[in-house]
Amino acid sequence: MSDEKSPTRDVTPPPTEPAHAHGVRAVLDYQEEEKDPAFVELKRRHRSFVFPLTVFFLVWYFSYVILAAYAHDFMATPVFGVINVGLLLGFGQFVSTFVITMTYVSFANRRLDPLAAQIRADLESKESTA
C-alpha cells in the first residue's frame, strides 16, 4: 500500500441560487409562492387523488391481514383444486398494488405533471428576473 495521497481537485459547488451580472443572487419567497393559485390547485389535485386511494388500499390490506389472522376457515375455503380464498386474496394484494401504481402514474401524467411544469417555468422566470 502506498502512502501517496490520490490527487485532489478543487471542485466548487454550484451556488444554491443563480448569480446575476450585478453579483446579486435572486431570492424567491417560496412560502409566498405556496399561496399561488396554481400551486394550491396542484396540491388539491394530488391530495384528492392520493388520500382516498390510500384509505381504500389500507382498508383492503388490513382486511386481508385480519381475515388471515382470524378467519382461518373462510381463508381456507377451496375455490378450485388447491387454490383457496386466502391465496386469491393474497394474489389480489399484488394485483391491486400494481393497478394503483399504474393508475397514479397515469393520473400524474395527465393532471399533475402539466401543472407542475407550468409552476416550474413560472418560478424559473421569476428567479431569472429577480
Protein backbone atom coordinates (compact mmCIF):
# COMPACT_ATOMS: atom_id res chain seq x y z
CA MET A 1 0.00 0.00 0.00
CA SER A 2 1.36 3.40 -0.93
CA ASP A 3 1.42 6.43 1.35
CA GLU A 4 0.77 8.72 -1.58
CA LYS A 5 -2.47 10.57 -1.47
CA SER A 6 -4.64 10.49 -4.51
CA PRO A 7 -4.63 13.73 -6.41
CA THR A 8 -7.35 16.09 -5.32
CA ARG A 9 -9.01 18.71 -7.36
CA ASP A 10 -10.79 21.79 -6.20
CA VAL A 11 -14.45 21.40 -7.01
CA THR A 12 -16.50 24.41 -6.15
CA PRO A 13 -20.14 23.54 -5.53
CA PRO A 14 -22.64 25.48 -7.61
CA PRO A 15 -24.40 28.31 -5.83
CA THR A 16 -27.81 27.46 -4.49
CA GLU A 17 -29.27 30.45 -6.28
CA PRO A 18 -28.20 31.84 -9.65
CA ALA A 19 -25.81 34.76 -9.63
CA HIS A 20 -26.58 37.76 -11.84
CA ALA A 21 -24.40 40.29 -13.58
CA HIS A 22 -24.60 42.57 -10.55
CA GLY A 23 -23.29 39.84 -8.27
CA VAL A 24 -26.68 39.71 -6.53
CA ARG A 25 -28.46 36.42 -6.22
CA ALA A 26 -32.14 36.05 -6.95
CA VAL A 27 -34.21 35.31 -3.88
CA LEU A 28 -37.73 33.98 -4.06
CA ASP A 29 -40.11 33.76 -1.14
CA TYR A 30 -41.18 30.15 -1.56
CA GLN A 31 -43.60 30.34 1.35
CA GLU A 32 -45.38 33.10 -0.54
CA GLU A 33 -45.25 31.06 -3.75
CA GLU A 34 -47.12 28.25 -1.96
CA LYS A 35 -50.13 30.58 -1.85
CA ASP A 36 -50.17 30.89 -5.65
CA PRO A 37 -53.50 29.57 -7.02
CA ALA A 38 -51.73 27.19 -9.41
CA PHE A 39 -49.73 25.63 -6.57
CA VAL A 40 -52.82 25.39 -4.37
CA GLU A 41 -54.63 23.64 -7.25
CA LEU A 42 -51.72 21.23 -7.71
CA LYS A 43 -51.83 20.27 -4.03
CA ARG A 44 -55.63 19.91 -4.17
CA ARG A 45 -55.48 17.62 -7.20
CA HIS A 46 -52.76 15.49 -5.64
CA ARG A 47 -54.49 15.14 -2.28
CA SER A 48 -57.94 14.50 -3.76
CA PHE A 49 -56.50 11.52 -5.64
CA VAL A 50 -53.94 10.15 -3.19
CA PHE A 51 -55.84 10.31 0.10
CA PRO A 52 -58.93 8.32 -0.98
CA LEU A 53 -56.79 5.77 -2.78
CA THR A 54 -54.56 5.39 0.27
CA VAL A 55 -57.57 4.88 2.54
CA PHE A 56 -59.00 2.31 0.12
CA PHE A 57 -55.73 0.39 -0.03
CA LEU A 58 -55.18 0.41 3.73
CA VAL A 59 -58.70 -0.86 4.37
CA TRP A 60 -58.21 -3.56 1.73
CA TYR A 61 -54.78 -4.52 3.11
CA PHE A 62 -55.79 -4.65 6.78
CA SER A 63 -58.96 -6.56 5.90
CA TYR A 64 -56.78 -9.20 4.31
CA VAL A 65 -54.47 -9.31 7.32
CA ILE A 66 -57.38 -9.56 9.78
CA LEU A 67 -59.05 -12.27 7.70
CA ALA A 68 -55.79 -14.19 7.54
CA ALA A 69 -55.35 -13.91 11.31
CA TYR A 70 -58.89 -14.60 12.49
CA ALA A 71 -60.95 -16.20 9.67
CA HIS A 72 -58.93 -19.33 9.03
CA ASP A 73 -61.90 -21.37 7.86
CA PHE A 74 -63.00 -18.69 5.39
CA MET A 75 -59.49 -18.19 4.03
CA ALA A 76 -59.04 -21.96 3.69
CA THR A 77 -62.23 -22.33 1.64
CA PRO A 78 -61.26 -24.12 -1.58
CA VAL A 79 -62.09 -22.31 -4.81
CA PHE A 80 -60.66 -24.81 -7.30
CA GLY A 81 -58.09 -27.52 -6.74
CA VAL A 82 -55.59 -26.44 -4.10
CA ILE A 83 -56.37 -22.76 -4.67
CA ASN A 84 -58.28 -21.26 -1.76
CA VAL A 85 -59.77 -17.86 -0.90
CA GLY A 86 -56.65 -16.82 1.03
CA LEU A 87 -54.39 -17.39 -1.97
CA LEU A 88 -56.71 -15.46 -4.27
CA LEU A 89 -56.96 -12.53 -1.85
CA GLY A 90 -53.18 -12.58 -1.36
CA PHE A 91 -52.66 -12.50 -5.11
CA GLY A 92 -55.21 -9.68 -5.21
CA GLN A 93 -52.93 -7.67 -2.93
CA PHE A 94 -50.15 -7.80 -5.52
CA VAL A 95 -52.51 -7.05 -8.38
CA SER A 96 -54.09 -4.10 -6.57
CA THR A 97 -50.65 -2.65 -5.80
CA PHE A 98 -49.71 -2.66 -9.47
CA VAL A 99 -53.12 -1.30 -10.53
CA ILE A 100 -52.88 1.54 -8.00
CA THR A 101 -49.36 2.38 -9.17
CA MET A 102 -50.34 2.41 -12.84
CA THR A 103 -53.44 4.47 -12.05
CA TYR A 104 -51.40 7.03 -10.13
CA VAL A 105 -48.78 7.31 -12.86
CA SER A 106 -51.48 7.86 -15.46
CA PHE A 107 -53.21 10.44 -13.25
CA ALA A 108 -49.94 12.26 -12.54
CA ASN A 109 -49.02 12.34 -16.24
CA ARG A 110 -52.39 13.78 -17.21
CA ARG A 111 -53.37 16.02 -14.28
CA LEU A 112 -50.29 16.82 -12.17
CA ASP A 113 -47.26 17.00 -14.42
CA PRO A 114 -48.55 19.68 -16.83
CA LEU A 115 -49.46 21.97 -13.93
CA ALA A 116 -46.17 21.25 -12.15
CA ALA A 117 -44.25 22.08 -15.34
CA GLN A 118 -46.14 25.38 -15.62
CA ILE A 119 -45.36 26.24 -11.99
CA ARG A 120 -41.69 25.33 -12.50
CA ALA A 121 -41.46 27.52 -15.61
CA ASP A 122 -43.10 30.42 -13.76
CA LEU A 123 -40.69 30.07 -10.83
CA GLU A 124 -37.68 29.89 -13.14
CA SER A 125 -38.77 33.02 -14.97
CA LYS A 126 -39.34 34.84 -11.68
CA GLU A 127 -35.95 33.65 -10.45
CA SER A 128 -34.18 34.89 -13.58
CA THR A 129 -35.78 38.33 -13.33
CA ALA A 130 -35.37 38.71 -9.56
